[in-house]
Amino acid sequence: MQSPEQGGLSETEQMLVRTRRQADSLAVALVRNPFDPSTVAELRRFLEHDAGPAQAAYEALRALAPEVLRARLEHLARLSRKGTCPDLNGRVTS
């Protein structure tokens, strides 16, 4: 899982963040409106389109050596502290 040239989140990391946010939103919908047709449709779409690629990316992330993962997290934390880590929309937040 390589980082892009600018040092921010890789495409795979961005996909994992987006998918996690979708899963969180879906979890809330399942608690609030578990039988609502739109909740059921959203769950089906998530399982059919988003969950598989995210699961594969997560397994690849878990397969990284602990020192590689630790170094990546430290790098992203440094960028975040400096205010030079782009968000998921490519904007640098400070």
C-alpha atoms as a PDB file:
ATOM      1  CA  MET A   1       0.000   0.000   0.000  1.00  0.00           C
ATOM      2  CA  GLN A   2       2.039   2.874  -1.324  1.00  0.00           C
ATOM      3  CA  SER A   3       1.422   6.505  -0.504  1.00  0.00           C
ATOM      4  CA  PRO A   4       1.035   9.004  -3.325  1.00  0.00           C
ATOM      5  CA  GLU A   5       3.851  11.356  -4.261  1.00  0.00           C
ATOM      6  CA  GLN A   6       2.445  14.231  -2.206  1.00  0.00           C
ATOM      7  CA  GLY A   7       2.593  12.037   0.884  1.00  0.00           C
ATOM      8  CA  GLY A   8      -1.111  12.002   1.727  1.00  0.00           C
ATOM      9  CA  LEU A   9      -3.507   9.091   1.750  1.00  0.00           C
ATOM     10  CA  SER A  10      -3.154   6.535  -1.030  1.00  0.00           C
ATOM     11  CA  GLU A  11      -6.190   5.726  -3.181  1.00  0.00           C
ATOM     12  CA  THR A  12      -6.648   2.502  -1.221  1.00  0.00           C
ATOM     13  CA  GLU A  13      -6.484   4.330   2.102  1.00  0.00           C
ATOM     14  CA  GLN A  14      -8.997   6.892   0.850  1.00  0.00           C
ATOM     15  CA  MET A  15     -11.333   4.107  -0.255  1.00  0.00           C
ATOM     16  CA  LEU A  16     -11.081   2.481   3.176  1.00  0.00           C
ATOM     17  CA  VAL A  17     -11.928   5.759   4.906  1.00  0.00           C
ATOM     18  CA  ARG A  18     -14.902   6.404   2.592  1.00  0.00           C
ATOM     19  CA  THR A  19     -16.176   2.850   2.993  1.00  0.00           C
ATOM     20  CA  ARG A  20     -15.835   3.012   6.777  1.00  0.00           C
ATOM     21  CA  ARG A  21     -17.863   6.229   6.800  1.00  0.00           C
ATOM     22  CA  GLN A  22     -20.512   4.563   4.633  1.00  0.00           C
ATOM     23  CA  ALA A  23     -20.615   1.588   7.005  1.00  0.00           C
ATOM     24  CA  ASP A  24     -20.989   3.898  10.011  1.00  0.00           C
ATOM     25  CA  SER A  25     -23.849   5.759   8.326  1.00  0.00           C
ATOM     26  CA  LEU A  26     -25.486   2.478   7.378  1.00  0.00           C
ATOM     27  CA  ALA A  27     -25.150   1.188  10.942  1.00  0.00           C
ATOM     28  CA  VAL A  28     -27.029   4.249  12.201  1.00  0.00           C
ATOM     29  CA  ALA A  29     -29.746   3.736   9.568  1.00  0.00           C
ATOM     30  CA  LEU A  30     -30.072   0.082  10.589  1.00  0.00           C
ATOM     31  CA  VAL A  31     -30.625   1.098  14.215  1.00  0.00           C
ATOM     32  CA  ARG A  32     -33.039   3.943  13.463  1.00  0.00           C
ATOM     33  CA  ASN A  33     -34.996   2.502  10.529  1.00  0.00           C
ATOM     34  CA  PRO A  34     -34.097  -1.174  10.058  1.00  0.00           C
ATOM     35  CA  PHE A  35     -37.146  -2.029   7.938  1.00  0.00           C
ATOM     36  CA  ASP A  36     -37.315   1.117   5.823  1.00  0.00           C
ATOM     37  CA  PRO A  37     -37.038   0.193   2.128  1.00  0.00           C
ATOM     38  CA  SER A  38     -34.319   2.808   1.570  1.00  0.00           C
ATOM     39  CA  THR A  39     -32.238   1.320   4.408  1.00  0.00           C
ATOM     40  CA  VAL A  40     -32.590  -2.155   2.925  1.00  0.00           C
ATOM     41  CA  ALA A  41     -31.653  -0.853  -0.547  1.00  0.00           C
ATOM     42  CA  GLU A  42     -28.630   0.981   0.852  1.00  0.00           C
ATOM     43  CA  LEU A  43     -27.498  -2.156   2.694  1.00  0.00           C
ATOM     44  CA  ARG A  44     -27.823  -4.264  -0.458  1.00  0.00           C
ATOM     45  CA  ARG A  45     -25.899  -1.725  -2.531  1.00  0.00           C
ATOM     46  CA  PHE A  46     -23.158  -1.531   0.090  1.00  0.00           C
ATOM     47  CA  LEU A  47     -22.782  -5.309   0.251  1.00  0.00           C
ATOM     48  CA  GLU A  48     -22.886  -5.759  -3.534  1.00  0.00           C
ATOM     49  CA  HIS A  49     -20.549  -2.913  -4.502  1.00  0.00           C
ATOM     50  CA  ASP A  50     -18.468  -1.511  -1.651  1.00  0.00           C
ATOM     51  CA  ALA A  51     -17.871  -4.172   0.970  1.00  0.00           C
ATOM     52  CA  GLY A  52     -15.868  -6.611  -1.180  1.00  0.00           C
ATOM     53  CA  PRO A  53     -13.172  -4.192  -2.381  1.00  0.00           C
ATOM     54  CA  ALA A  54     -12.929  -2.665   1.089  1.00  0.00           C
ATOM     55  CA  GLN A  55     -12.545  -6.070   2.690  1.00  0.00           C
ATOM     56  CA  ALA A  56      -9.745  -6.967   0.253  1.00  0.00           C
ATOM     57  CA  ALA A  57      -7.989  -3.650   0.938  1.00  0.00           C
ATOM     58  CA  TYR A  58      -8.357  -4.159   4.678  1.00  0.00           C
ATOM     59  CA  GLU A  59      -6.825  -7.637   4.443  1.00  0.00           C
ATOM     60  CA  ALA A  60      -3.895  -6.187   2.464  1.00  0.00           C
ATOM     61  CA  LEU A  61      -3.442  -3.563   5.167  1.00  0.00           C
ATOM     62  CA  ARG A  62      -3.524  -6.209   7.889  1.00  0.00           C
ATOM     63  CA  ALA A  63      -0.874  -8.200   6.007  1.00  0.00           C
ATOM     64  CA  LEU A  64       1.659  -5.375   6.260  1.00  0.00           C
ATOM     65  CA  ALA A  65       4.500  -5.894   8.678  1.00  0.00           C
ATOM     66  CA  PRO A  66       3.847  -4.041  11.950  1.00  0.00           C
ATOM     67  CA  GLU A  67       6.881  -1.802  11.448  1.00  0.00           C
ATOM     68  CA  VAL A  68       5.688  -0.817   7.951  1.00  0.00           C
ATOM     69  CA  LEU A  69       2.218   0.016   9.219  1.00  0.00           C
ATOM     70  CA  ARG A  70       3.622   1.908  12.205  1.00  0.00           C
ATOM     71  CA  ALA A  71       5.910   3.968   9.931  1.00  0.00           C
ATOM     72  CA  ARG A  72       2.973   4.778   7.625  1.00  0.00           C
ATOM     73  CA  LEU A  73       0.793   5.899  10.535  1.00  0.00           C
ATOM     74  CA  GLU A  74       3.623   8.022  11.955  1.00  0.00           C
ATOM     75  CA  HIS A  75       4.148   9.632   8.537  1.00  0.00           C
ATOM     76  CA  LEU A  76       0.448  10.497   8.209  1.00  0.00           C
ATOM     77  CA  ALA A  77       0.371  11.823  11.784  1.00  0.00           C
ATOM     78  CA  ARG A  78       3.358  14.093  11.020  1.00  0.00           C
ATOM     79  CA  LEU A  79       1.643  15.426   7.904  1.00  0.00           C
ATOM     80  CA  SER A  80      -1.527  16.029   9.875  1.00  0.00           C
ATOM     81  CA  ARG A  81       0.318  17.919  12.613  1.00  0.00           C
ATOM     82  CA  LYS A  82       2.023  20.088   9.982  1.00  0.00           C
ATOM     83  CA  GLY A  83      -1.313  20.719   8.301  1.00  0.00           C
ATOM     84  CA  THR A  84      -0.015  19.315   5.011  1.00  0.00           C
ATOM     85  CA  CYS A  85      -2.065  16.126   4.745  1.00  0.00           C
ATOM     86  CA  PRO A  86      -4.802  16.420   2.096  1.00  0.00           C
ATOM     87  CA  ASP A  87      -8.304  15.390   3.108  1.00  0.00           C
ATOM     88  CA  LEU A  88     -10.411  12.979   1.060  1.00  0.00           C
ATOM     89  CA  ASN A  89     -11.311  15.801  -1.340  1.00  0.00           C
ATOM     90  CA  GLY A  90      -7.664  16.716  -1.961  1.00  0.00           C
ATOM     91  CA  ARG A  91      -7.842  19.874   0.149  1.00  0.00           C
ATOM     92  CA  VAL A  92      -5.059  20.564   2.611  1.00  0.00           C
ATOM     93  CA  THR A  93      -6.529  21.385   5.981  1.00  0.00           C
ATOM     94  CA  SER A  94      -4.721  23.347   8.633  1.00  0.00           C
END
